[in-house]
């Protein structure tokens, strides 16, 4: 055999041996991603999101909390947070991506730079979110807004019901899975009463606030003075809290209020979200921890 031919044969033999010894590519790991989008009642600071991601998803789930304090369905988009969420949906590598969307608190009137019109803007924004999630190859899930925990004469004030109903309507019109967190959370808080619900806040209530709650009507979580709080609690019609004033644009305050959640509140409502999600999206049941 000529030297050149022998060399070529040897090279082919070595290449064939190397190919035979090359390890097979590993199979793709079945991983699911869940992206949380919303306001402070979902966010890392003050919301149910941390408990949901930390305690209610299996280890094969990547749970990304992109909710921002003080954001509405409009401002979340205009500030650019939605673009970050879209990037997460398009990252690849996951067998499925689900996007949980909850707005309403900051869409209410009285919040400059945040409020949206209930009839002409809020549902339009929600529909646009749904459409863009699907266009990105992910699955949208709408959540009605978490209830506040304010009471009058022993009954919960359901001041977010109109936004919850608008969310339900968008879900029905677009065929989007719905977790009716507002209905579930409002019913639960109403049943336990104002005093028991104070434990869900980020900080304990003052003696005056707790006394008012035990009487069945909540007072402002930020009274000017203790004397003013006592007077408000004893008034025939105690003034209701101005939520636009006490719910900041940025991170939730680490203090008592009727909206944001401490550890106990986050755990309580994250369990509720998980149960609702398992029902609304059966494909996720194996990835969730009740």
Protein backbone atom coordinates (compact mmCIF):
# COMPACT_ATOMS: atom_id res chain seq x y z
CA UNK A 1 0.00 0.00 0.00
CA UNK A 2 1.36 3.38 -0.96
CA UNK A 3 2.27 5.65 1.99
CA UNK A 4 -0.31 8.30 1.05
CA UNK A 5 -3.13 5.78 0.83
CA UNK A 6 -2.07 4.14 4.07
CA UNK A 7 -2.09 7.47 5.83
CA UNK A 8 -5.61 8.24 4.56
CA UNK A 9 -6.90 4.85 5.68
CA UNK A 10 -5.38 5.35 9.12
CA UNK A 11 -6.95 8.78 9.41
CA UNK A 12 -10.38 7.41 8.50
CA UNK A 13 -9.98 4.65 11.04
CA UNK A 14 -9.09 7.10 13.76
CA UNK A 15 -12.05 9.34 12.86
CA UNK A 16 -14.41 6.39 12.92
CA UNK A 17 -13.08 5.34 16.31
CA UNK A 18 -13.54 8.85 17.68
CA UNK A 19 -17.10 8.98 16.38
CA UNK A 20 -17.86 5.64 17.97
CA UNK A 21 -16.52 6.84 21.31
CA UNK A 22 -18.28 10.26 21.27
CA UNK A 23 -20.96 10.39 23.97
CA UNK A 24 -24.56 10.75 22.86
CA UNK A 25 -26.18 14.14 23.43
CA UNK A 26 -28.12 14.18 26.71
CA UNK A 27 -31.92 14.35 26.44
CA UNK A 28 -33.59 17.70 27.05
CA UNK A 29 -34.62 18.05 30.68
CA UNK A 30 -38.34 18.67 31.10
CA UNK A 31 -38.38 22.13 32.67
CA UNK A 32 -41.31 24.52 33.02
CA UNK A 33 -41.13 28.27 33.57
CA UNK A 34 -43.69 30.41 35.41
CA UNK A 35 -43.43 34.19 35.10
CA UNK A 36 -45.32 36.44 37.53
CA UNK A 37 -46.48 39.85 36.28
CA UNK A 38 -48.39 42.38 38.39
CA UNK A 39 -48.23 44.89 41.23
CA UNK A 40 -46.99 44.85 44.83
CA UNK A 41 -49.59 42.29 45.94
CA UNK A 42 -47.70 39.79 43.75
CA UNK A 43 -44.19 41.25 44.04
CA UNK A 44 -41.19 40.07 46.05
CA UNK A 45 -41.78 42.81 48.62
CA UNK A 46 -45.34 42.79 49.95
CA UNK A 47 -46.99 40.13 47.78
CA UNK A 48 -47.84 36.43 47.61
CA UNK A 49 -45.25 35.80 44.86
CA UNK A 50 -42.25 34.93 47.07
CA UNK A 51 -44.16 32.22 48.90
CA UNK A 52 -45.57 30.84 45.66
CA UNK A 53 -42.15 30.60 44.00
CA UNK A 54 -40.39 29.42 47.14
CA UNK A 55 -42.88 26.89 48.51
CA UNK A 56 -45.40 25.87 45.86
CA UNK A 57 -43.47 24.83 42.74
CA UNK A 58 -41.42 21.71 42.10
CA UNK A 59 -37.66 21.93 41.61
CA UNK A 60 -38.08 21.44 37.86
CA UNK A 61 -39.94 24.78 37.64
CA UNK A 62 -38.19 28.10 37.09
CA UNK A 63 -40.35 30.68 38.84
CA UNK A 64 -39.52 34.30 37.94
CA UNK A 65 -41.24 37.11 39.84
CA UNK A 66 -41.35 40.24 37.68
CA UNK A 67 -44.19 41.98 39.52
CA UNK A 68 -43.43 45.61 40.47
CA UNK A 69 -44.80 47.61 43.38
CA UNK A 70 -47.15 50.45 42.47
CA UNK A 71 -47.70 49.39 38.86
CA UNK A 72 -50.95 49.27 36.95
CA UNK A 73 -51.86 47.44 33.76
CA UNK A 74 -50.82 50.61 31.95
CA UNK A 75 -47.69 51.78 33.75
CA UNK A 76 -46.15 48.29 33.84
CA UNK A 77 -46.00 48.43 30.08
CA UNK A 78 -45.04 52.07 29.57
CA UNK A 79 -42.05 51.86 31.94
CA UNK A 80 -40.59 48.87 30.08
CA UNK A 81 -41.17 46.10 32.62
CA UNK A 82 -43.31 44.23 30.11
CA UNK A 83 -40.37 44.05 27.70
CA UNK A 84 -38.37 42.26 30.39
CA UNK A 85 -41.22 39.80 30.85
CA UNK A 86 -41.40 39.17 27.10
CA UNK A 87 -37.68 38.39 27.08
CA UNK A 88 -38.23 35.77 29.77
CA UNK A 89 -40.99 34.16 27.71
CA UNK A 90 -38.74 33.94 24.64
CA UNK A 91 -35.61 32.64 26.39
CA UNK A 92 -36.09 29.05 25.20
CA UNK A 93 -35.03 25.81 26.86
CA UNK A 94 -38.36 25.15 28.56
CA UNK A 95 -41.07 22.75 27.48
CA UNK A 96 -43.73 25.28 28.50
CA UNK A 97 -43.89 28.80 29.90
CA UNK A 98 -46.86 30.19 31.81
CA UNK A 99 -47.39 33.88 32.56
CA UNK A 100 -49.57 34.80 35.55
CA UNK A 101 -50.97 38.34 35.22
CA UNK A 102 -52.65 40.22 38.10
CA UNK A 103 -53.52 43.93 38.02
CA UNK A 104 -56.22 46.17 39.46
CA UNK A 105 -55.05 47.87 42.66
CA UNK A 106 -53.20 50.69 40.94
CA UNK A 107 -55.62 50.91 38.04
CA UNK A 108 -58.17 52.45 40.41
CA UNK A 109 -58.84 56.22 40.27
CA UNK A 110 -56.81 58.61 42.42
CA UNK A 111 -53.34 57.37 41.56
CA UNK A 112 -51.64 59.84 39.20
CA UNK A 113 -49.42 58.19 36.64
CA UNK A 114 -50.94 54.82 37.40
CA UNK A 115 -54.73 54.89 37.10
CA UNK A 116 -56.42 53.51 33.99
CA UNK A 117 -59.97 53.90 32.77
CA UNK A 118 -62.04 50.89 33.78
CA UNK A 119 -64.14 50.89 30.62
CA UNK A 120 -61.74 51.95 27.87
CA UNK A 121 -58.22 51.05 29.06
CA UNK A 122 -58.02 48.32 31.71
CA UNK A 123 -59.69 45.52 29.67
CA UNK A 124 -57.88 46.62 26.52
CA UNK A 125 -54.52 46.39 28.28
CA UNK A 126 -55.34 42.93 29.66
CA UNK A 127 -56.34 41.67 26.22
CA UNK A 128 -53.12 43.00 24.76
CA UNK A 129 -51.09 41.18 27.42
CA UNK A 130 -52.90 37.95 26.59
CA UNK A 131 -52.29 38.35 22.87
CA UNK A 132 -48.60 39.12 23.28
CA UNK A 133 -48.00 36.24 25.68
CA UNK A 134 -49.45 33.85 23.12
CA UNK A 135 -47.44 35.45 20.32
CA UNK A 136 -44.30 34.81 22.40
CA UNK A 137 -45.15 31.11 22.57
CA UNK A 138 -46.26 31.12 26.21
CA UNK A 139 -49.56 30.50 27.98
CA UNK A 140 -51.30 33.43 29.72
CA UNK A 141 -53.22 33.02 32.98
CA UNK A 142 -55.27 35.93 34.32
CA UNK A 143 -55.76 36.51 38.05
CA UNK A 144 -58.38 38.80 39.54
CA UNK A 145 -56.85 41.23 42.07
CA UNK A 146 -56.16 40.14 45.63
CA UNK A 147 -58.67 41.67 48.04
CA UNK A 148 -57.84 44.47 50.43
CA UNK A 149 -58.70 43.85 54.07
CA UNK A 150 -60.80 46.89 55.01
CA UNK A 151 -64.13 46.51 56.79
CA UNK A 152 -67.20 48.56 57.61
CA UNK A 153 -69.84 47.42 60.09
CA UNK A 154 -68.40 43.92 60.15
CA UNK A 155 -68.42 43.42 56.38
CA UNK A 156 -65.49 43.45 54.00
CA UNK A 157 -65.32 46.42 51.63
CA UNK A 158 -64.96 44.83 48.19
CA UNK A 159 -63.64 47.92 46.43
CA UNK A 160 -61.85 45.92 43.72
CA UNK A 161 -64.89 43.97 42.53
CA UNK A 162 -65.33 46.03 39.36
CA UNK A 163 -61.74 45.32 38.30
CA UNK A 164 -62.17 41.67 39.19
CA UNK A 165 -65.30 41.47 37.04
CA UNK A 166 -63.52 43.18 34.14
CA UNK A 167 -60.72 40.58 34.41
CA UNK A 168 -63.24 37.72 34.43
CA UNK A 169 -64.86 39.13 31.31
CA UNK A 170 -61.54 39.41 29.45
CA UNK A 171 -60.69 35.83 30.42
CA UNK A 172 -64.02 34.60 29.08
CA UNK A 173 -63.76 36.60 25.85
CA UNK A 174 -60.21 35.46 25.09
CA UNK A 175 -60.46 31.87 26.34
CA UNK A 176 -57.76 32.50 28.92
CA UNK A 177 -57.41 30.40 32.10
CA UNK A 178 -58.60 32.38 35.13
CA UNK A 179 -57.69 32.21 38.81
CA UNK A 180 -60.42 34.15 40.61
CA UNK A 181 -58.19 35.25 43.45
CA UNK A 182 -60.42 38.19 44.33
CA UNK A 183 -63.48 36.03 44.96
CA UNK A 184 -61.55 33.44 46.94
CA UNK A 185 -59.54 35.92 49.00
CA UNK A 186 -62.49 38.24 49.67
CA UNK A 187 -64.71 35.41 50.83
CA UNK A 188 -61.99 34.07 53.13
CA UNK A 189 -61.15 37.47 54.65
CA UNK A 190 -64.82 38.37 55.07
CA UNK A 191 -65.44 35.12 56.93
CA UNK A 192 -62.52 35.53 59.33
CA UNK A 193 -63.30 39.16 60.17
CA UNK A 194 -61.31 42.38 60.36
CA UNK A 195 -59.34 41.58 63.51
CA UNK A 196 -58.14 38.17 62.37
CA UNK A 197 -57.17 39.57 58.96
CA UNK A 198 -54.75 42.08 60.52
CA UNK A 199 -52.23 39.26 60.94
CA UNK A 200 -51.60 39.19 57.20
CA UNK A 201 -49.93 42.63 57.10
CA UNK A 202 -46.19 43.24 57.02
CA UNK A 203 -46.19 44.61 60.59
CA UNK A 204 -48.54 44.23 63.56
CA UNK A 205 -51.37 46.76 63.94
CA UNK A 206 -51.32 49.40 66.64
CA UNK A 207 -53.59 48.96 69.64
CA UNK A 208 -55.99 51.56 68.24
CA UNK A 209 -56.19 49.94 64.81
CA UNK A 210 -56.74 46.52 66.35
CA UNK A 211 -59.47 47.88 68.64
CA UNK A 212 -61.28 49.35 65.65
CA UNK A 213 -60.95 46.10 63.75
CA UNK A 214 -62.44 44.16 66.66
CA UNK A 215 -65.39 46.54 66.54
CA UNK A 216 -65.88 45.64 62.88
CA UNK A 217 -64.82 48.83 61.09
CA UNK A 218 -61.22 49.47 60.07
CA UNK A 219 -59.62 52.90 60.36
CA UNK A 220 -56.67 54.42 58.54
CA UNK A 221 -53.48 52.41 58.90
CA UNK A 222 -51.55 55.68 59.16
CA UNK A 223 -53.39 57.88 61.68
CA UNK A 224 -51.94 61.29 62.42
CA UNK A 225 -51.85 60.62 66.16
CA UNK A 226 -53.00 57.88 68.54
CA UNK A 227 -55.71 60.24 69.81
CA UNK A 228 -56.98 60.75 66.27
CA UNK A 229 -57.11 57.01 65.77
CA UNK A 230 -59.19 56.53 68.92
CA UNK A 231 -61.54 59.32 67.88
CA UNK A 232 -61.94 57.80 64.42
CA UNK A 233 -62.65 54.36 65.87
CA UNK A 234 -65.40 55.80 68.11
CA UNK A 235 -66.96 58.00 65.44
CA UNK A 236 -70.41 57.02 64.07
CA UNK A 237 -68.91 56.70 60.57
CA UNK A 238 -65.13 56.24 60.83
CA UNK A 239 -63.33 57.61 57.77
CA UNK A 240 -62.02 55.02 55.36
CA UNK A 241 -58.36 54.87 54.43
CA UNK A 242 -57.21 56.72 51.32
CA UNK A 243 -55.53 53.83 49.51
CA UNK A 244 -54.03 56.09 46.87
CA UNK A 245 -52.08 57.86 49.60
CA UNK A 246 -50.79 54.80 51.45
CA UNK A 247 -49.94 52.52 48.53
CA UNK A 248 -46.66 53.93 47.18
CA UNK A 249 -45.42 53.88 43.62
CA UNK A 250 -42.24 52.05 44.57
CA UNK A 251 -41.63 49.21 47.01
CA UNK A 252 -44.22 48.40 49.63
CA UNK A 253 -43.64 50.02 52.98
CA UNK A 254 -42.59 47.69 55.77
CA UNK A 255 -45.48 48.76 57.96
CA UNK A 256 -49.05 47.84 58.75
CA UNK A 257 -51.66 48.39 56.06
CA UNK A 258 -54.67 46.58 54.60
CA UNK A 259 -53.16 45.73 51.23
CA UNK A 260 -49.61 44.40 51.41
CA UNK A 261 -48.59 41.04 52.84
CA UNK A 262 -46.11 39.86 55.41
CA UNK A 263 -44.85 36.28 55.61
CA UNK A 264 -48.07 34.85 57.03
CA UNK A 265 -50.19 36.67 54.49
CA UNK A 266 -47.95 35.63 51.61
CA UNK A 267 -48.12 31.99 52.68
CA UNK A 268 -51.89 32.09 53.11
CA UNK A 269 -52.71 33.62 49.75
CA UNK A 270 -49.97 31.78 47.81
CA UNK A 271 -51.64 28.53 48.88
CA UNK A 272 -54.90 29.95 47.52
CA UNK A 273 -53.27 30.91 44.22
CA UNK A 274 -51.74 27.45 43.89
CA UNK A 275 -55.09 25.73 44.37
CA UNK A 276 -56.73 28.01 41.84
CA UNK A 277 -53.92 27.55 39.33
CA UNK A 278 -54.08 23.76 39.58
CA UNK A 279 -57.77 23.94 38.78
CA UNK A 280 -57.46 26.50 35.97
CA UNK A 281 -54.44 24.85 34.28
CA UNK A 282 -54.59 21.07 34.81
CA UNK A 283 -51.33 20.60 32.87
CA UNK A 284 -49.49 22.34 35.73
CA UNK A 285 -50.79 20.16 38.55
CA UNK A 286 -47.76 17.90 38.55
CA UNK A 287 -45.46 20.92 38.85
CA UNK A 288 -47.22 22.48 41.85
CA UNK A 289 -46.99 21.78 45.58
CA UNK A 290 -50.34 22.34 47.35
